Amino acid sequence: MSYGNGHSRVPIDVIDLQFPQVVDIPPPLPPKRPLWPAIVMFLLTVITTLAVGSLVAFAAILAGSALTMKVQYWRITRET
């Protein structure tokens, strides 16, 4: 007699069943993605990086020229 705890005998019907062979089918290959979106994103990244770099360089040129003008003005006013 079984009480559902897993300690009973296996029924003869289950032992005698003949199951078909398991066929190992490889998974399908993923579809190839186009290359153009990656190229577009790469070019966009390069262009924006160069644009930001040029803005930083321009800001540095302006800051340097402003500092130079202040230093020169200070030197002129200090001598007189």
C-alpha atoms as a PDB file:
ATOM      1  CA  MET A   1       0.000   0.000   0.000  1.00  0.00           C
ATOM      2  CA  SER A   2       1.273   3.477  -0.895  1.00  0.00           C
ATOM      3  CA  TYR A   3       0.754   6.608   1.109  1.00  0.00           C
ATOM      4  CA  GLY A   4       2.342   8.978  -1.381  1.00  0.00           C
ATOM      5  CA  ASN A   5       5.701   9.262   0.357  1.00  0.00           C
ATOM      6  CA  GLY A   6       7.721   7.713  -2.502  1.00  0.00           C
ATOM      7  CA  HIS A   7       8.574   4.465  -0.695  1.00  0.00           C
ATOM      8  CA  SER A   8       6.153   2.241  -2.532  1.00  0.00           C
ATOM      9  CA  ARG A   9       6.999  -0.184  -5.307  1.00  0.00           C
ATOM     10  CA  VAL A  10       7.076   1.026  -8.913  1.00  0.00           C
ATOM     11  CA  PRO A  11       4.049  -0.258 -10.835  1.00  0.00           C
ATOM     12  CA  ILE A  12       4.787  -2.897 -13.458  1.00  0.00           C
ATOM     13  CA  ASP A  13       3.002  -0.827 -16.119  1.00  0.00           C
ATOM     14  CA  VAL A  14       5.581   1.944 -15.851  1.00  0.00           C
ATOM     15  CA  ILE A  15       8.556  -0.434 -15.996  1.00  0.00           C
ATOM     16  CA  ASP A  16       7.285  -2.224 -19.104  1.00  0.00           C
ATOM     17  CA  LEU A  17       6.660   0.915 -21.181  1.00  0.00           C
ATOM     18  CA  GLN A  18       8.936   1.284 -24.211  1.00  0.00           C
ATOM     19  CA  PHE A  19       9.829   4.923 -24.738  1.00  0.00           C
ATOM     20  CA  PRO A  20      11.115   6.176 -28.117  1.00  0.00           C
ATOM     21  CA  GLN A  21      14.772   7.151 -28.469  1.00  0.00           C
ATOM     22  CA  VAL A  22      15.579  10.737 -27.599  1.00  0.00           C
ATOM     23  CA  VAL A  23      16.756  12.652 -30.649  1.00  0.00           C
ATOM     24  CA  ASP A  24      19.303  15.348 -29.867  1.00  0.00           C
ATOM     25  CA  ILE A  25      18.461  18.239 -32.188  1.00  0.00           C
ATOM     26  CA  PRO A  26      20.890  21.160 -32.133  1.00  0.00           C
ATOM     27  CA  PRO A  27      19.337  24.558 -31.520  1.00  0.00           C
ATOM     28  CA  PRO A  28      18.755  26.685 -34.615  1.00  0.00           C
ATOM     29  CA  LEU A  29      21.392  29.267 -35.446  1.00  0.00           C
ATOM     30  CA  PRO A  30      20.431  32.859 -34.703  1.00  0.00           C
ATOM     31  CA  PRO A  31      19.778  34.989 -37.774  1.00  0.00           C
ATOM     32  CA  LYS A  32      22.669  37.125 -38.965  1.00  0.00           C
ATOM     33  CA  ARG A  33      22.228  40.751 -38.097  1.00  0.00           C
ATOM     34  CA  PRO A  34      23.160  43.472 -40.597  1.00  0.00           C
ATOM     35  CA  LEU A  35      26.411  45.329 -40.063  1.00  0.00           C
ATOM     36  CA  TRP A  36      25.244  48.835 -40.999  1.00  0.00           C
ATOM     37  CA  PRO A  37      23.677  49.773 -37.597  1.00  0.00           C
ATOM     38  CA  ALA A  38      26.987  49.057 -35.850  1.00  0.00           C
ATOM     39  CA  ILE A  39      28.888  51.147 -38.398  1.00  0.00           C
ATOM     40  CA  VAL A  40      26.418  54.040 -38.070  1.00  0.00           C
ATOM     41  CA  MET A  41      26.665  53.979 -34.268  1.00  0.00           C
ATOM     42  CA  PHE A  42      30.472  53.843 -34.432  1.00  0.00           C
ATOM     43  CA  LEU A  43      30.609  56.851 -36.770  1.00  0.00           C
ATOM     44  CA  LEU A  44      28.143  58.755 -34.606  1.00  0.00           C
ATOM     45  CA  THR A  45      30.281  58.036 -31.544  1.00  0.00           C
ATOM     46  CA  VAL A  46      33.435  59.214 -33.310  1.00  0.00           C
ATOM     47  CA  ILE A  47      31.808  62.410 -34.570  1.00  0.00           C
ATOM     48  CA  THR A  48      30.298  63.346 -31.207  1.00  0.00           C
ATOM     49  CA  THR A  49      33.568  62.607 -29.410  1.00  0.00           C
ATOM     50  CA  LEU A  50      35.439  64.889 -31.810  1.00  0.00           C
ATOM     51  CA  ALA A  51      32.763  67.564 -31.431  1.00  0.00           C
ATOM     52  CA  VAL A  52      32.964  67.509 -27.647  1.00  0.00           C
ATOM     53  CA  GLY A  53      36.760  67.541 -27.823  1.00  0.00           C
ATOM     54  CA  SER A  54      36.723  70.579 -30.089  1.00  0.00           C
ATOM     55  CA  LEU A  55      34.375  72.391 -27.692  1.00  0.00           C
ATOM     56  CA  VAL A  56      36.696  71.635 -24.780  1.00  0.00           C
ATOM     57  CA  ALA A  57      39.686  72.841 -26.780  1.00  0.00           C
ATOM     58  CA  PHE A  58      37.856  76.034 -27.767  1.00  0.00           C
ATOM     59  CA  ALA A  59      36.898  76.687 -24.135  1.00  0.00           C
ATOM     60  CA  ALA A  60      40.527  76.155 -23.100  1.00  0.00           C
ATOM     61  CA  ILE A  61      41.715  78.625 -25.759  1.00  0.00           C
ATOM     62  CA  LEU A  62      39.211  81.232 -24.548  1.00  0.00           C
ATOM     63  CA  ALA A  63      40.132  80.679 -20.901  1.00  0.00           C
ATOM     64  CA  GLY A  64      43.838  80.882 -21.710  1.00  0.00           C
ATOM     65  CA  SER A  65      43.453  84.097 -23.684  1.00  0.00           C
ATOM     66  CA  ALA A  66      41.324  85.670 -20.948  1.00  0.00           C
ATOM     67  CA  LEU A  67      43.893  84.705 -18.325  1.00  0.00           C
ATOM     68  CA  THR A  68      46.709  86.076 -20.470  1.00  0.00           C
ATOM     69  CA  MET A  69      44.872  89.374 -20.901  1.00  0.00           C
ATOM     70  CA  LYS A  70      44.324  89.663 -17.130  1.00  0.00           C
ATOM     71  CA  VAL A  71      47.954  88.883 -16.374  1.00  0.00           C
ATOM     72  CA  GLN A  72      49.169  91.427 -18.949  1.00  0.00           C
ATOM     73  CA  TYR A  73      46.784  94.059 -17.579  1.00  0.00           C
ATOM     74  CA  TRP A  74      47.998  93.346 -14.039  1.00  0.00           C
ATOM     75  CA  ARG A  75      51.643  93.705 -15.153  1.00  0.00           C
ATOM     76  CA  ILE A  76      50.925  97.008 -16.921  1.00  0.00           C
ATOM     77  CA  THR A  77      49.050  98.490 -13.948  1.00  0.00           C
ATOM     78  CA  ARG A  78      51.688  97.289 -11.468  1.00  0.00           C
ATOM     79  CA  GLU A  79      54.602  99.026 -13.246  1.00  0.00           C
ATOM     80  CA  THR A  80      53.076 102.480 -13.185  1.00  0.00           C
END
